[in-house]
Amino acid sequence: MAKEKGKMGRGRSKGEESTPGRAFARVREPLDLPRHLPYQIVHASSLLSVGFARLLQRRFRLGIREWRILAVLGHGGPMAPSDLVGRAAYDKGTVSRALQRLERRGLVRREPAGAGRRRWIVGLTPEGAELHDRIAPLARMRARILQAALSPEEARILGEALAKLT
């Protein structure tokens, strides 16, 4: 069966597929993403995490979420999972799943907090502390490389601004 002259399959006319705005709706007021602060922060975070996440996975078989939990526990010591939620800036489900993976690998341990056994604290095992201590120098080096892109004044201002937001 021959196509009609001037048609591009499925009954569309030439140019119809590539005419902007014909098939798709437009928003009334698009966000100016390059200047939208929440987008900038999330975008920068994603760009910074990608390379480090690959390194963690390749060298240590560890996800970025699990590393953040190890880093928070390395910094703050044993704590309740609910405290990890706030300090790691993850939701409860993400923290719970990351803790399960870390516990299966023997990198963290849960213990009852107090006599009631209703509350738990989580801390690093010796293996978890050792892995943290192997990764931390790489994280510090990455931070130095990132900071080298900024002048000392820019780094100070950025640090103060981020501290205000968090």
C-alpha atoms as a PDB file:
ATOM      1  CA  MET A   1       0.000   0.000   0.000  1.00  0.00           C
ATOM      2  CA  ALA A   2       1.505   3.333  -1.053  1.00  0.00           C
ATOM      3  CA  LYS A   3       1.662   6.325   1.304  1.00  0.00           C
ATOM      4  CA  GLU A   4      -0.223   9.447   0.336  1.00  0.00           C
ATOM      5  CA  LYS A   5       1.952  12.129  -1.146  1.00  0.00           C
ATOM      6  CA  GLY A   6       3.022  14.621   1.546  1.00  0.00           C
ATOM      7  CA  LYS A   7       2.305  12.276   4.477  1.00  0.00           C
ATOM      8  CA  MET A   8       4.859  10.862   6.955  1.00  0.00           C
ATOM      9  CA  GLY A   9       3.412   7.559   8.194  1.00  0.00           C
ATOM     10  CA  ARG A  10       0.485   7.379  10.662  1.00  0.00           C
ATOM     11  CA  GLY A  11      -1.311  10.101   8.690  1.00  0.00           C
ATOM     12  CA  ARG A  12       0.916  13.006   9.796  1.00  0.00           C
ATOM     13  CA  SER A  13       1.838  15.731   7.358  1.00  0.00           C
ATOM     14  CA  LYS A  14       5.421  16.681   6.685  1.00  0.00           C
ATOM     15  CA  GLY A  15       6.598  19.085   9.337  1.00  0.00           C
ATOM     16  CA  GLU A  16       3.909  18.096  11.827  1.00  0.00           C
ATOM     17  CA  GLU A  17       6.301  15.889  13.819  1.00  0.00           C
ATOM     18  CA  SER A  18       8.872  18.621  14.161  1.00  0.00           C
ATOM     19  CA  THR A  19       6.590  21.632  14.610  1.00  0.00           C
ATOM     20  CA  PRO A  20       7.240  22.861  18.154  1.00  0.00           C
ATOM     21  CA  GLY A  21       4.149  23.384  20.224  1.00  0.00           C
ATOM     22  CA  ARG A  22       1.694  21.399  18.099  1.00  0.00           C
ATOM     23  CA  ALA A  23       1.736  18.086  19.916  1.00  0.00           C
ATOM     24  CA  PHE A  24       2.986  19.217  23.327  1.00  0.00           C
ATOM     25  CA  ALA A  25       1.553  21.689  25.793  1.00  0.00           C
ATOM     26  CA  ARG A  26       3.536  24.648  27.047  1.00  0.00           C
ATOM     27  CA  VAL A  27       3.539  25.993  30.587  1.00  0.00           C
ATOM     28  CA  ARG A  28       2.499  29.578  31.253  1.00  0.00           C
ATOM     29  CA  GLU A  29       5.445  30.516  33.451  1.00  0.00           C
ATOM     30  CA  PRO A  30       8.445  28.167  33.211  1.00  0.00           C
ATOM     31  CA  LEU A  31      10.956  28.210  36.038  1.00  0.00           C
ATOM     32  CA  ASP A  32      14.238  29.907  35.234  1.00  0.00           C
ATOM     33  CA  LEU A  33      16.160  26.761  36.185  1.00  0.00           C
ATOM     34  CA  PRO A  34      19.676  28.212  35.807  1.00  0.00           C
ATOM     35  CA  ARG A  35      18.700  30.781  38.464  1.00  0.00           C
ATOM     36  CA  HIS A  36      16.285  28.655  40.537  1.00  0.00           C
ATOM     37  CA  LEU A  37      18.198  28.006  43.771  1.00  0.00           C
ATOM     38  CA  PRO A  38      16.622  24.647  44.712  1.00  0.00           C
ATOM     39  CA  TYR A  39      17.342  23.341  41.212  1.00  0.00           C
ATOM     40  CA  GLN A  40      20.919  24.654  41.331  1.00  0.00           C
ATOM     41  CA  ILE A  41      21.576  22.950  44.665  1.00  0.00           C
ATOM     42  CA  VAL A  42      20.097  19.598  43.611  1.00  0.00           C
ATOM     43  CA  HIS A  43      21.802  19.757  40.206  1.00  0.00           C
ATOM     44  CA  ALA A  44      25.194  20.550  41.763  1.00  0.00           C
ATOM     45  CA  SER A  45      24.726  17.761  44.294  1.00  0.00           C
ATOM     46  CA  SER A  46      23.896  15.275  41.551  1.00  0.00           C
ATOM     47  CA  LEU A  47      26.910  16.278  39.476  1.00  0.00           C
ATOM     48  CA  LEU A  48      29.201  15.990  42.491  1.00  0.00           C
ATOM     49  CA  SER A  49      27.813  12.617  43.563  1.00  0.00           C
ATOM     50  CA  VAL A  50      27.942  10.780  40.234  1.00  0.00           C
ATOM     51  CA  GLY A  51      31.706  10.303  39.983  1.00  0.00           C
ATOM     52  CA  PHE A  52      32.137   9.521  43.661  1.00  0.00           C
ATOM     53  CA  ALA A  53      29.224   7.064  43.535  1.00  0.00           C
ATOM     54  CA  ARG A  54      30.906   5.186  40.680  1.00  0.00           C
ATOM     55  CA  LEU A  55      34.184   5.055  42.606  1.00  0.00           C
ATOM     56  CA  LEU A  56      32.432   3.767  45.730  1.00  0.00           C
ATOM     57  CA  GLN A  57      30.636   1.083  43.765  1.00  0.00           C
ATOM     58  CA  ARG A  58      33.699  -0.066  41.811  1.00  0.00           C
ATOM     59  CA  ARG A  59      36.257  -0.073  44.598  1.00  0.00           C
ATOM     60  CA  PHE A  60      34.173  -0.801  47.677  1.00  0.00           C
ATOM     61  CA  ARG A  61      30.863  -2.279  46.421  1.00  0.00           C
ATOM     62  CA  LEU A  62      29.134   0.504  48.350  1.00  0.00           C
ATOM     63  CA  GLY A  63      26.341   2.853  47.303  1.00  0.00           C
ATOM     64  CA  ILE A  64      26.401   6.586  47.953  1.00  0.00           C
ATOM     65  CA  ARG A  65      23.554   6.230  50.480  1.00  0.00           C
ATOM     66  CA  GLU A  66      25.448   3.599  52.452  1.00  0.00           C
ATOM     67  CA  TRP A  67      28.586   5.755  52.389  1.00  0.00           C
ATOM     68  CA  ARG A  68      26.657   8.734  53.751  1.00  0.00           C
ATOM     69  CA  ILE A  69      25.341   6.584  56.617  1.00  0.00           C
ATOM     70  CA  LEU A  70      28.895   5.387  57.379  1.00  0.00           C
ATOM     71  CA  ALA A  71      30.146   8.995  57.226  1.00  0.00           C
ATOM     72  CA  VAL A  72      27.415  10.246  59.576  1.00  0.00           C
ATOM     73  CA  LEU A  73      28.096   7.427  62.053  1.00  0.00           C
ATOM     74  CA  GLY A  74      31.839   8.057  61.739  1.00  0.00           C
ATOM     75  CA  HIS A  75      31.274  11.707  62.575  1.00  0.00           C
ATOM     76  CA  GLY A  76      28.573  11.442  65.228  1.00  0.00           C
ATOM     77  CA  GLY A  77      29.107   7.997  66.711  1.00  0.00           C
ATOM     78  CA  PRO A  78      26.303   5.545  67.510  1.00  0.00           C
ATOM     79  CA  MET A  79      22.807   7.021  67.263  1.00  0.00           C
ATOM     80  CA  ALA A  80      19.161   6.186  66.828  1.00  0.00           C
ATOM     81  CA  PRO A  81      18.010   5.534  63.261  1.00  0.00           C
ATOM     82  CA  SER A  82      15.647   8.505  63.612  1.00  0.00           C
ATOM     83  CA  ASP A  83      18.683  10.740  64.212  1.00  0.00           C
ATOM     84  CA  LEU A  84      20.325   9.291  61.101  1.00  0.00           C
ATOM     85  CA  VAL A  85      17.294  10.382  59.066  1.00  0.00           C
ATOM     86  CA  GLY A  86      17.922  14.032  59.912  1.00  0.00           C
ATOM     87  CA  ARG A  87      21.693  13.982  59.765  1.00  0.00           C
ATOM     88  CA  ALA A  88      21.949  12.025  56.514  1.00  0.00           C
ATOM     89  CA  ALA A  89      19.103  14.052  54.935  1.00  0.00           C
ATOM     90  CA  TYR A  90      17.333  10.905  53.755  1.00  0.00           C
ATOM     91  CA  ASP A  91      13.797   9.736  54.416  1.00  0.00           C
ATOM     92  CA  LYS A  92      13.074   6.984  56.936  1.00  0.00           C
ATOM     93  CA  GLY A  93      12.688   4.258  54.282  1.00  0.00           C
ATOM     94  CA  THR A  94      15.984   5.106  52.576  1.00  0.00           C
ATOM     95  CA  VAL A  95      17.836   5.024  55.906  1.00  0.00           C
ATOM     96  CA  SER A  96      16.171   1.740  56.872  1.00  0.00           C
ATOM     97  CA  ARG A  97      17.118   0.045  53.576  1.00  0.00           C
ATOM     98  CA  ALA A  98      20.685   1.392  53.704  1.00  0.00           C
ATOM     99  CA  LEU A  99      21.067   0.149  57.284  1.00  0.00           C
ATOM    100  CA  GLN A 100      19.820  -3.302  56.269  1.00  0.00           C
ATOM    101  CA  ARG A 101      22.422  -3.492  53.488  1.00  0.00           C
ATOM    102  CA  LEU A 102      25.186  -2.271  55.804  1.00  0.00           C
ATOM    103  CA  GLU A 103      24.131  -4.701  58.521  1.00  0.00           C
ATOM    104  CA  ARG A 104      24.149  -7.645  56.080  1.00  0.00           C
ATOM    105  CA  ARG A 105      27.736  -6.736  55.180  1.00  0.00           C
ATOM    106  CA  GLY A 106      28.698  -6.526  58.842  1.00  0.00           C
ATOM    107  CA  LEU A 107      29.530  -2.805  58.636  1.00  0.00           C
ATOM    108  CA  VAL A 108      27.001  -1.591  61.239  1.00  0.00           C
ATOM    109  CA  ARG A 109      25.342  -3.178  64.244  1.00  0.00           C
ATOM    110  CA  ARG A 110      22.040  -2.373  65.967  1.00  0.00           C
ATOM    111  CA  GLU A 111      21.712  -2.622  69.729  1.00  0.00           C
ATOM    112  CA  PRO A 112      18.813  -1.946  72.077  1.00  0.00           C
ATOM    113  CA  ALA A 113      18.995   1.479  73.720  1.00  0.00           C
ATOM    114  CA  GLY A 114      17.973   1.128  77.328  1.00  0.00           C
ATOM    115  CA  ALA A 115      15.962  -1.474  79.179  1.00  0.00           C
ATOM    116  CA  GLY A 116      12.725  -1.153  77.187  1.00  0.00           C
ATOM    117  CA  ARG A 117      14.243  -2.618  73.989  1.00  0.00           C
ATOM    118  CA  ARG A 118      11.835  -0.472  71.987  1.00  0.00           C
ATOM    119  CA  ARG A 119      14.493   1.964  70.849  1.00  0.00           C
ATOM    120  CA  TRP A 120      17.646   1.022  69.022  1.00  0.00           C
ATOM    121  CA  ILE A 121      20.970   2.633  68.375  1.00  0.00           C
ATOM    122  CA  VAL A 122      23.155   1.923  65.380  1.00  0.00           C
ATOM    123  CA  GLY A 123      26.938   2.083  65.305  1.00  0.00           C
ATOM    124  CA  LEU A 124      29.878   1.065  63.182  1.00  0.00           C
ATOM    125  CA  THR A 125      31.434  -2.352  63.590  1.00  0.00           C
ATOM    126  CA  PRO A 126      35.246  -2.607  63.439  1.00  0.00           C
ATOM    127  CA  GLU A 127      34.856  -3.550  59.748  1.00  0.00           C
ATOM    128  CA  GLY A 128      32.611  -0.535  59.171  1.00  0.00           C
ATOM    129  CA  ALA A 129      35.087   1.804  60.881  1.00  0.00           C
ATOM    130  CA  GLU A 130      37.930   0.347  58.804  1.00  0.00           C
ATOM    131  CA  LEU A 131      35.995   0.848  55.566  1.00  0.00           C
ATOM    132  CA  HIS A 132      35.095   4.399  56.617  1.00  0.00           C
ATOM    133  CA  ASP A 133      38.770   5.113  57.277  1.00  0.00           C
ATOM    134  CA  ARG A 134      39.703   3.836  53.807  1.00  0.00           C
ATOM    135  CA  ILE A 135      37.085   5.978  52.048  1.00  0.00           C
ATOM    136  CA  ALA A 136      37.386   9.189  54.113  1.00  0.00           C
ATOM    137  CA  PRO A 137      40.740  10.267  52.567  1.00  0.00           C
ATOM    138  CA  LEU A 138      39.171   9.953  49.102  1.00  0.00           C
ATOM    139  CA  ALA A 139      36.208  12.073  50.229  1.00  0.00           C
ATOM    140  CA  ARG A 140      38.586  14.698  51.670  1.00  0.00           C
ATOM    141  CA  MET A 141      40.611  14.763  48.452  1.00  0.00           C
ATOM    142  CA  ARG A 142      37.417  15.214  46.446  1.00  0.00           C
ATOM    143  CA  ALA A 143      36.421  18.113  48.705  1.00  0.00           C
ATOM    144  CA  ARG A 144      39.838  19.764  48.191  1.00  0.00           C
ATOM    145  CA  ILE A 145      39.493  19.445  44.406  1.00  0.00           C
ATOM    146  CA  LEU A 146      36.020  20.973  44.579  1.00  0.00           C
ATOM    147  CA  GLN A 147      37.194  23.790  46.814  1.00  0.00           C
ATOM    148  CA  ALA A 148      40.111  24.553  44.483  1.00  0.00           C
ATOM    149  CA  ALA A 149      37.563  25.712  41.883  1.00  0.00           C
ATOM    150  CA  LEU A 150      36.551  28.526  44.259  1.00  0.00           C
ATOM    151  CA  SER A 151      38.496  31.427  45.667  1.00  0.00           C
ATOM    152  CA  PRO A 152      38.882  31.358  49.468  1.00  0.00           C
ATOM    153  CA  GLU A 153      36.251  34.114  49.694  1.00  0.00           C
ATOM    154  CA  GLU A 154      33.819  32.214  47.436  1.00  0.00           C
ATOM    155  CA  ALA A 155      34.323  29.037  49.476  1.00  0.00           C
ATOM    156  CA  ARG A 156      33.655  30.946  52.713  1.00  0.00           C
ATOM    157  CA  ILE A 157      30.512  32.603  51.330  1.00  0.00           C
ATOM    158  CA  LEU A 158      29.199  29.327  49.892  1.00  0.00           C
ATOM    159  CA  GLY A 159      29.837  27.521  53.178  1.00  0.00           C
ATOM    160  CA  GLU A 160      28.028  30.212  55.155  1.00  0.00           C
ATOM    161  CA  ALA A 161      25.098  30.269  52.718  1.00  0.00           C
ATOM    162  CA  LEU A 162      24.721  26.479  52.801  1.00  0.00           C
ATOM    163  CA  ALA A 163      24.933  26.492  56.605  1.00  0.00           C
ATOM    164  CA  LYS A 164      22.075  29.016  56.677  1.00  0.00           C
ATOM    165  CA  LEU A 165      19.956  26.844  54.407  1.00  0.00           C
ATOM    166  CA  THR A 166      20.583  23.657  56.344  1.00  0.00           C
END
